[in-house]
């Protein structure tokens, strides 16, 4: 096999083996990156989560595999590392916003009973929407191009 970066292409040029250090890219990042390849390639994960994770990428079709596939996989690892990092960083904010939205919703629903119920509002909207067919000014005429 020819050695290139953290991946090797076998002699038949139909298979790439990517070696990943899990201290740099955790397993969730690796599985996200691998998932991007499953439509066009057979992908298999192996190895030890503590020391080294091996990703095997093999062509579904009977043709040679390019080193671009290994390089693209490495790019996906970086892309999903950033995604996971942002997700973790924004978790508290998302939880706060969701909590605030639910609190506000409950507060609005528990306000005084002088506000019309939602079914009454729906009936009003339905009645108003029926009036769109009325044309007291005679302006709703279909447009026809000039001849």
N, C-alpha and C. Protein backbone atom coordinates (compact mmCIF):
# COMPACT_ATOMS: atom_id res chain seq x y z
N UNK A 1 0.84 -1.19 0.00
CA UNK A 1 0.00 0.00 0.00
C UNK A 1 0.88 1.25 0.00
N UNK A 2 0.38 2.24 -0.68
CA UNK A 2 1.08 3.52 -0.77
C UNK A 2 0.66 4.40 0.41
N UNK A 3 1.64 4.94 1.15
CA UNK A 3 1.31 5.75 2.33
C UNK A 3 1.13 7.21 1.92
N UNK A 4 0.00 7.80 2.33
CA UNK A 4 -0.29 9.21 2.10
C UNK A 4 -0.97 9.76 3.35
N UNK A 5 -0.38 10.75 3.96
CA UNK A 5 -0.98 11.38 5.13
C UNK A 5 -1.41 10.33 6.16
N UNK A 6 -2.68 10.38 6.56
CA UNK A 6 -3.20 9.42 7.52
C UNK A 6 -4.03 8.34 6.85
N UNK A 7 -3.88 8.19 5.53
CA UNK A 7 -4.63 7.15 4.84
C UNK A 7 -3.75 6.44 3.83
N UNK A 8 -4.15 5.21 3.53
CA UNK A 8 -3.43 4.40 2.55
C UNK A 8 -4.41 3.86 1.54
N UNK A 9 -3.97 3.78 0.29
CA UNK A 9 -4.77 3.16 -0.77
C UNK A 9 -4.14 1.80 -1.04
N UNK A 10 -4.96 0.75 -1.06
CA UNK A 10 -4.40 -0.59 -1.31
C UNK A 10 -3.96 -0.75 -2.77
N UNK A 11 -3.29 -1.87 -3.04
CA UNK A 11 -2.74 -2.10 -4.38
C UNK A 11 -3.81 -2.16 -5.47
N UNK A 12 -4.97 -2.67 -5.14
CA UNK A 12 -6.04 -2.77 -6.15
C UNK A 12 -6.66 -1.41 -6.44
N UNK A 13 -6.33 -0.41 -5.62
CA UNK A 13 -6.85 0.96 -5.76
C UNK A 13 -8.38 1.02 -5.70
N UNK A 14 -8.95 0.13 -4.92
CA UNK A 14 -10.40 0.10 -4.73
C UNK A 14 -10.80 0.37 -3.27
N UNK A 15 -9.79 0.60 -2.42
CA UNK A 15 -10.04 0.64 -0.99
C UNK A 15 -9.08 1.62 -0.33
N UNK A 16 -9.60 2.43 0.59
CA UNK A 16 -8.77 3.36 1.37
C UNK A 16 -8.95 3.02 2.84
N UNK A 17 -7.87 3.02 3.58
CA UNK A 17 -7.90 2.82 5.02
C UNK A 17 -7.40 4.10 5.68
N UNK A 18 -8.26 4.75 6.45
CA UNK A 18 -7.93 6.01 7.12
C UNK A 18 -7.68 5.71 8.60
N UNK A 19 -6.57 6.17 9.10
CA UNK A 19 -6.20 6.00 10.50
C UNK A 19 -6.44 7.32 11.23
N UNK A 20 -7.23 7.27 12.32
CA UNK A 20 -7.62 8.50 13.02
C UNK A 20 -7.26 8.38 14.49
N UNK A 21 -6.67 9.42 15.02
CA UNK A 21 -6.36 9.51 16.44
C UNK A 21 -7.61 10.02 17.18
N UNK A 22 -8.22 9.18 18.03
CA UNK A 22 -9.46 9.61 18.71
C UNK A 22 -9.27 10.74 19.71
N UNK A 23 -8.03 11.06 20.07
CA UNK A 23 -7.83 12.21 20.95
C UNK A 23 -7.97 13.52 20.18
N UNK A 24 -7.85 13.44 18.85
CA UNK A 24 -8.04 14.62 18.01
C UNK A 24 -9.48 14.70 17.52
N UNK A 25 -9.99 13.58 17.01
CA UNK A 25 -11.37 13.50 16.49
C UNK A 25 -12.13 12.44 17.28
N UNK A 26 -13.07 12.84 18.13
CA UNK A 26 -13.84 11.85 18.89
C UNK A 26 -14.77 11.04 17.98
N UNK A 27 -15.24 9.91 18.49
CA UNK A 27 -16.06 8.99 17.71
C UNK A 27 -17.30 9.64 17.09
N UNK A 28 -18.04 10.53 17.79
CA UNK A 28 -19.20 11.15 17.13
C UNK A 28 -18.83 11.94 15.87
N UNK A 29 -17.68 12.60 15.89
CA UNK A 29 -17.22 13.35 14.71
C UNK A 29 -16.89 12.38 13.58
N UNK A 30 -16.25 11.27 13.91
CA UNK A 30 -15.87 10.29 12.90
C UNK A 30 -17.11 9.66 12.27
N UNK A 31 -18.11 9.33 13.09
CA UNK A 31 -19.32 8.72 12.53
C UNK A 31 -20.10 9.72 11.66
N UNK A 32 -20.11 10.99 12.04
CA UNK A 32 -20.76 12.00 11.19
C UNK A 32 -20.06 12.10 9.84
N UNK A 33 -18.74 12.12 9.86
CA UNK A 33 -17.98 12.20 8.60
C UNK A 33 -18.22 10.94 7.77
N UNK A 34 -18.19 9.77 8.40
CA UNK A 34 -18.41 8.51 7.68
C UNK A 34 -19.80 8.46 7.07
N UNK A 35 -20.77 9.01 7.77
CA UNK A 35 -22.14 9.00 7.27
C UNK A 35 -22.28 9.74 5.93
N UNK A 36 -21.46 10.75 5.71
CA UNK A 36 -21.50 11.49 4.45
C UNK A 36 -21.06 10.62 3.26
N UNK A 37 -20.38 9.52 3.52
CA UNK A 37 -19.83 8.69 2.46
C UNK A 37 -20.65 7.45 2.16
N UNK A 38 -21.65 7.13 2.98
CA UNK A 38 -22.33 5.84 2.84
C UNK A 38 -23.18 5.71 1.57
N UNK A 39 -23.55 6.79 0.94
CA UNK A 39 -24.34 6.68 -0.29
C UNK A 39 -23.49 6.20 -1.47
N UNK A 40 -22.22 6.58 -1.50
CA UNK A 40 -21.36 6.26 -2.65
C UNK A 40 -20.31 5.20 -2.36
N UNK A 41 -20.08 4.90 -1.07
CA UNK A 41 -19.01 3.98 -0.70
C UNK A 41 -19.50 3.03 0.39
N UNK A 42 -18.82 1.89 0.52
CA UNK A 42 -19.01 1.03 1.67
C UNK A 42 -18.05 1.54 2.73
N UNK A 43 -18.57 1.85 3.92
CA UNK A 43 -17.75 2.43 4.99
C UNK A 43 -17.83 1.52 6.21
N UNK A 44 -16.66 1.24 6.81
CA UNK A 44 -16.63 0.41 8.01
C UNK A 44 -15.68 1.04 9.02
N UNK A 45 -16.12 1.06 10.27
CA UNK A 45 -15.29 1.58 11.35
C UNK A 45 -14.74 0.41 12.15
N UNK A 46 -13.49 0.55 12.58
CA UNK A 46 -12.84 -0.50 13.36
C UNK A 46 -11.78 0.16 14.23
N UNK A 47 -11.17 -0.61 15.10
CA UNK A 47 -10.08 -0.09 15.90
C UNK A 47 -10.45 0.03 17.36
N UNK A 48 -9.65 0.79 18.07
CA UNK A 48 -9.79 0.98 19.50
C UNK A 48 -10.08 2.45 19.78
N UNK A 49 -11.16 2.71 20.47
CA UNK A 49 -11.59 4.09 20.74
C UNK A 49 -10.55 4.85 21.56
N UNK A 50 -9.70 4.14 22.29
CA UNK A 50 -8.68 4.79 23.11
C UNK A 50 -7.43 5.16 22.31
N UNK A 51 -7.06 4.34 21.30
CA UNK A 51 -5.77 4.53 20.63
C UNK A 51 -5.88 4.96 19.17
N UNK A 52 -6.63 4.20 18.38
CA UNK A 52 -6.69 4.47 16.95
C UNK A 52 -7.99 3.92 16.38
N UNK A 53 -8.66 4.74 15.59
CA UNK A 53 -9.88 4.30 14.90
C UNK A 53 -9.54 4.20 13.42
N UNK A 54 -9.92 3.07 12.83
CA UNK A 54 -9.67 2.83 11.42
C UNK A 54 -10.98 2.94 10.66
N UNK A 55 -10.96 3.68 9.57
CA UNK A 55 -12.13 3.83 8.72
C UNK A 55 -11.77 3.24 7.36
N UNK A 56 -12.52 2.23 6.98
CA UNK A 56 -12.31 1.58 5.69
C UNK A 56 -13.35 2.13 4.71
N UNK A 57 -12.89 2.66 3.59
CA UNK A 57 -13.77 3.23 2.57
C UNK A 57 -13.52 2.46 1.27
N UNK A 58 -14.56 1.81 0.76
CA UNK A 58 -14.41 1.00 -0.44
C UNK A 58 -15.46 1.41 -1.47
N UNK A 59 -15.06 1.41 -2.73
CA UNK A 59 -15.96 1.77 -3.82
C UNK A 59 -17.13 0.78 -3.90
N UNK A 60 -18.33 1.29 -4.15
CA UNK A 60 -19.47 0.41 -4.42
C UNK A 60 -19.41 -0.08 -5.85
N UNK A 61 -18.89 0.76 -6.73
CA UNK A 61 -18.75 0.38 -8.14
C UNK A 61 -17.36 -0.21 -8.36
N UNK A 62 -17.20 -0.92 -9.45
CA UNK A 62 -15.93 -1.57 -9.74
C UNK A 62 -15.00 -0.61 -10.50
N UNK A 63 -14.48 0.40 -9.77
CA UNK A 63 -13.54 1.33 -10.38
C UNK A 63 -12.54 1.78 -9.32
N UNK A 64 -11.47 2.40 -9.77
CA UNK A 64 -10.42 2.82 -8.85
C UNK A 64 -10.90 3.94 -7.94
N UNK A 65 -10.34 3.95 -6.74
CA UNK A 65 -10.67 4.99 -5.78
C UNK A 65 -9.54 6.03 -5.80
N UNK A 66 -9.88 7.26 -5.68
CA UNK A 66 -8.91 8.36 -5.78
C UNK A 66 -8.45 8.77 -4.38
N UNK A 67 -7.25 9.34 -4.32
CA UNK A 67 -6.77 9.87 -3.03
C UNK A 67 -7.64 11.04 -2.58
N UNK A 68 -8.37 11.64 -3.52
CA UNK A 68 -9.29 12.73 -3.16
C UNK A 68 -10.33 12.27 -2.15
N UNK A 69 -10.70 10.99 -2.19
CA UNK A 69 -11.69 10.46 -1.24
C UNK A 69 -11.13 10.55 0.18
N UNK A 70 -9.88 10.16 0.37
CA UNK A 70 -9.24 10.25 1.68
C UNK A 70 -9.09 11.69 2.14
N UNK A 71 -8.73 12.55 1.21
CA UNK A 71 -8.58 13.97 1.57
C UNK A 71 -9.93 14.60 1.89
N UNK A 72 -10.95 14.21 1.16
CA UNK A 72 -12.29 14.71 1.44
C UNK A 72 -12.77 14.22 2.80
N UNK A 73 -12.46 12.97 3.12
CA UNK A 73 -12.82 12.45 4.44
C UNK A 73 -12.14 13.27 5.54
N UNK A 74 -10.88 13.59 5.36
CA UNK A 74 -10.18 14.43 6.34
C UNK A 74 -10.83 15.80 6.47
N UNK A 75 -11.26 16.38 5.36
CA UNK A 75 -11.96 17.67 5.41
C UNK A 75 -13.27 17.55 6.17
N UNK A 76 -13.98 16.44 5.97
CA UNK A 76 -15.24 16.22 6.68
C UNK A 76 -15.00 16.10 8.18
N UNK A 77 -13.88 15.48 8.58
CA UNK A 77 -13.55 15.38 10.00
C UNK A 77 -13.42 16.78 10.61
N UNK A 78 -12.75 17.67 9.92
CA UNK A 78 -12.60 19.05 10.42
C UNK A 78 -13.96 19.75 10.45
N UNK A 79 -14.72 19.60 9.38
CA UNK A 79 -16.03 20.25 9.29
C UNK A 79 -16.93 19.82 10.45
N UNK A 80 -16.99 18.51 10.72
CA UNK A 80 -17.86 18.03 11.79
C UNK A 80 -17.28 18.30 13.17
N UNK A 81 -15.96 18.44 13.29
CA UNK A 81 -15.38 18.85 14.58
C UNK A 81 -15.87 20.24 14.95
N UNK A 82 -15.87 21.13 13.99
CA UNK A 82 -16.36 22.50 14.22
C UNK A 82 -17.85 22.47 14.56
N UNK A 83 -18.62 21.66 13.81
CA UNK A 83 -20.06 21.55 14.05
C UNK A 83 -20.34 21.06 15.46
N UNK A 84 -19.67 20.00 15.89
CA UNK A 84 -19.89 19.44 17.23
C UNK A 84 -19.47 20.44 18.29
N UNK A 85 -18.36 21.12 18.08
CA UNK A 85 -17.89 22.13 19.04
C UNK A 85 -18.91 23.26 19.19
N UNK A 86 -19.43 23.75 18.07
CA UNK A 86 -20.44 24.81 18.13
C UNK A 86 -21.72 24.32 18.79
N UNK A 87 -22.10 23.09 18.51
CA UNK A 87 -23.30 22.52 19.12
C UNK A 87 -23.15 22.45 20.63
N UNK A 88 -22.01 22.00 21.10
CA UNK A 88 -21.76 21.92 22.54
C UNK A 88 -21.75 23.31 23.16
N UNK A 89 -21.09 24.25 22.49
CA UNK A 89 -20.98 25.61 23.00
C UNK A 89 -22.35 26.30 23.07
N UNK A 90 -23.24 26.00 22.12
CA UNK A 90 -24.54 26.66 22.05
C UNK A 90 -25.64 25.91 22.80
N UNK A 91 -25.32 24.78 23.41
CA UNK A 91 -26.33 23.97 24.10
C UNK A 91 -27.04 24.76 25.19
N UNK A 92 -26.29 25.44 26.03
CA UNK A 92 -26.90 26.20 27.13
C UNK A 92 -27.79 27.31 26.60
N UNK A 93 -27.37 27.98 25.54
CA UNK A 93 -28.19 29.04 24.94
C UNK A 93 -29.49 28.47 24.39
N UNK A 94 -29.41 27.34 23.67
CA UNK A 94 -30.63 26.72 23.13
C UNK A 94 -31.59 26.33 24.24
N UNK A 95 -31.05 25.77 25.32
CA UNK A 95 -31.90 25.37 26.44
C UNK A 95 -32.55 26.59 27.10
N UNK A 96 -31.80 27.68 27.22
CA UNK A 96 -32.35 28.91 27.82
C UNK A 96 -33.46 29.49 26.96
N UNK A 97 -33.22 29.54 25.65
CA UNK A 97 -34.24 30.08 24.74
C UNK A 97 -35.50 29.22 24.73
N UNK A 98 -35.33 27.92 24.73
CA UNK A 98 -36.48 27.02 24.75
C UNK A 98 -37.26 27.19 26.05
N UNK A 99 -36.55 27.28 27.15
CA UNK A 99 -37.20 27.47 28.45
C UNK A 99 -37.95 28.80 28.48
N UNK A 100 -37.33 29.85 27.96
CA UNK A 100 -37.97 31.16 27.92
C UNK A 100 -39.23 31.12 27.05
N UNK A 101 -39.15 30.47 25.90
CA UNK A 101 -40.32 30.38 25.02
C UNK A 101 -41.46 29.63 25.69
N UNK A 102 -41.15 28.54 26.37
CA UNK A 102 -42.19 27.78 27.05
C UNK A 102 -42.78 28.56 28.22
N UNK A 103 -41.94 29.28 28.94
CA UNK A 103 -42.41 30.10 30.05
C UNK A 103 -43.34 31.20 29.55
N UNK A 104 -42.93 31.86 28.47
CA UNK A 104 -43.77 32.93 27.90
C UNK A 104 -45.10 32.37 27.39
N UNK A 105 -45.05 31.23 26.76
CA UNK A 105 -46.26 30.60 26.24
C UNK A 105 -47.22 30.28 27.38
N UNK A 106 -46.70 29.71 28.46
CA UNK A 106 -47.54 29.40 29.62
C UNK A 106 -48.10 30.68 30.24
N UNK A 107 -47.28 31.73 30.30
CA UNK A 107 -47.75 32.99 30.88
C UNK A 107 -48.87 33.59 30.04
N UNK A 108 -48.74 33.53 28.72
CA UNK A 108 -49.79 34.06 27.85
C UNK A 108 -51.07 33.26 27.97
N UNK A 109 -50.95 31.96 28.09
CA UNK A 109 -52.14 31.11 28.20
C UNK A 109 -52.84 31.28 29.53
N UNK A 110 -52.12 31.70 30.56
CA UNK A 110 -52.71 31.84 31.89
C UNK A 110 -53.15 33.27 32.19
N UNK A 111 -53.13 34.17 31.19
CA UNK A 111 -53.57 35.55 31.41
C UNK A 111 -55.07 35.57 31.67
N UNK A 112 -55.60 36.78 31.89
CA UNK A 112 -57.01 36.92 32.24
C UNK A 112 -57.93 36.32 31.17
N UNK A 113 -59.12 35.96 31.60
CA UNK A 113 -60.06 35.27 30.71
C UNK A 113 -60.85 36.22 29.82
N UNK A 114 -60.55 37.53 29.86
CA UNK A 114 -61.26 38.47 28.99
C UNK A 114 -60.82 38.32 27.55
N UNK A 115 -59.66 37.71 27.35
CA UNK A 115 -59.16 37.47 26.00
C UNK A 115 -59.97 36.37 25.36
N UNK A 116 -60.37 36.52 24.08
CA UNK A 116 -61.17 35.47 23.45
C UNK A 116 -60.37 34.18 23.34
N UNK A 117 -61.06 33.09 23.46
CA UNK A 117 -60.41 31.78 23.35
C UNK A 117 -59.93 31.58 21.92
N UNK A 118 -58.99 30.68 21.75
CA UNK A 118 -58.39 30.47 20.43
C UNK A 118 -59.42 29.99 19.41
N UNK A 119 -60.43 29.24 19.85
CA UNK A 119 -61.46 28.79 18.90
C UNK A 119 -62.28 29.96 18.40
N UNK A 120 -62.52 30.94 19.27
CA UNK A 120 -63.27 32.13 18.85
C UNK A 120 -62.46 32.94 17.84
N UNK A 121 -61.16 33.04 18.07
CA UNK A 121 -60.30 33.76 17.15
C UNK A 121 -60.30 33.07 15.79
N UNK A 122 -60.24 31.76 15.80
CA UNK A 122 -60.26 31.00 14.54
C UNK A 122 -61.56 31.23 13.78
N UNK A 123 -62.68 31.29 14.52
CA UNK A 123 -63.98 31.54 13.87
C UNK A 123 -64.01 32.92 13.25
N UNK A 124 -63.46 33.93 13.95
CA UNK A 124 -63.42 35.29 13.41
C UNK A 124 -62.59 35.34 12.13
N UNK A 125 -61.46 34.69 12.15
CA UNK A 125 -60.59 34.68 10.97
C UNK A 125 -61.30 33.99 9.81
N UNK A 126 -61.98 32.90 10.09
CA UNK A 126 -62.69 32.17 9.04
C UNK A 126 -63.79 33.03 8.43
N UNK A 127 -64.53 33.77 9.26
CA UNK A 127 -65.59 34.63 8.74
C UNK A 127 -65.02 35.76 7.89
N UNK A 128 -63.92 36.33 8.34
CA UNK A 128 -63.29 37.40 7.58
C UNK A 128 -62.75 36.90 6.25
N UNK A 129 -62.24 35.69 6.23
CA UNK A 129 -61.66 35.17 5.00
C UNK A 129 -62.73 34.86 3.96
N UNK A 130 -63.96 34.64 4.37
CA UNK A 130 -65.04 34.39 3.41
C UNK A 130 -65.36 35.66 2.61
N UNK A 131 -65.10 36.82 3.20
CA UNK A 131 -65.46 38.07 2.55
C UNK A 131 -64.53 38.41 1.39
N UNK A 132 -63.47 37.67 1.17
CA UNK A 132 -62.58 37.98 0.07
C UNK A 132 -63.26 37.76 -1.28
N UNK A 133 -64.32 36.96 -1.30
CA UNK A 133 -65.04 36.71 -2.55
C UNK A 133 -65.92 37.91 -2.94
N UNK A 134 -66.31 38.70 -1.95
CA UNK A 134 -67.11 39.89 -2.25
C UNK A 134 -66.22 40.90 -2.97
N UNK A 135 -66.80 41.59 -3.96
CA UNK A 135 -66.04 42.57 -4.72
C UNK A 135 -66.89 43.83 -4.88
N UNK A 136 -67.06 44.60 -3.79
CA UNK A 136 -67.93 45.77 -3.86
C UNK A 136 -67.40 46.85 -4.81
N UNK A 137 -66.10 46.91 -5.03
CA UNK A 137 -65.53 47.93 -5.92
C UNK A 137 -65.34 47.45 -7.34
N UNK A 138 -65.60 46.19 -7.59
CA UNK A 138 -65.47 45.63 -8.94
C UNK A 138 -64.05 45.63 -9.47
N UNK A 139 -63.08 45.35 -8.61
CA UNK A 139 -61.68 45.41 -9.05
C UNK A 139 -61.07 44.03 -9.28
N UNK A 140 -61.75 42.99 -8.90
CA UNK A 140 -61.16 41.66 -9.08
C UNK A 140 -61.58 41.09 -10.42
N UNK A 141 -60.85 41.49 -11.44
CA UNK A 141 -61.11 40.99 -12.78
C UNK A 141 -59.85 40.28 -13.26
N UNK A 142 -59.97 39.16 -13.91
CA UNK A 142 -58.78 38.47 -14.38
C UNK A 142 -58.02 39.30 -15.41
N UNK A 143 -56.71 39.22 -15.34
CA UNK A 143 -55.86 39.95 -16.26
C UNK A 143 -55.74 39.17 -17.55
N UNK A 144 -55.88 39.88 -18.67
CA UNK A 144 -55.71 39.27 -19.98
C UNK A 144 -54.73 40.15 -20.76
N UNK A 145 -53.82 39.53 -21.47
CA UNK A 145 -52.86 40.34 -22.23
C UNK A 145 -53.57 41.09 -23.37
N UNK A 146 -53.09 42.27 -23.72
CA UNK A 146 -53.70 43.02 -24.81
C UNK A 146 -53.52 42.27 -26.15
N UNK A 147 -54.50 42.40 -27.02
CA UNK A 147 -54.43 41.73 -28.33
C UNK A 147 -53.93 42.66 -29.39
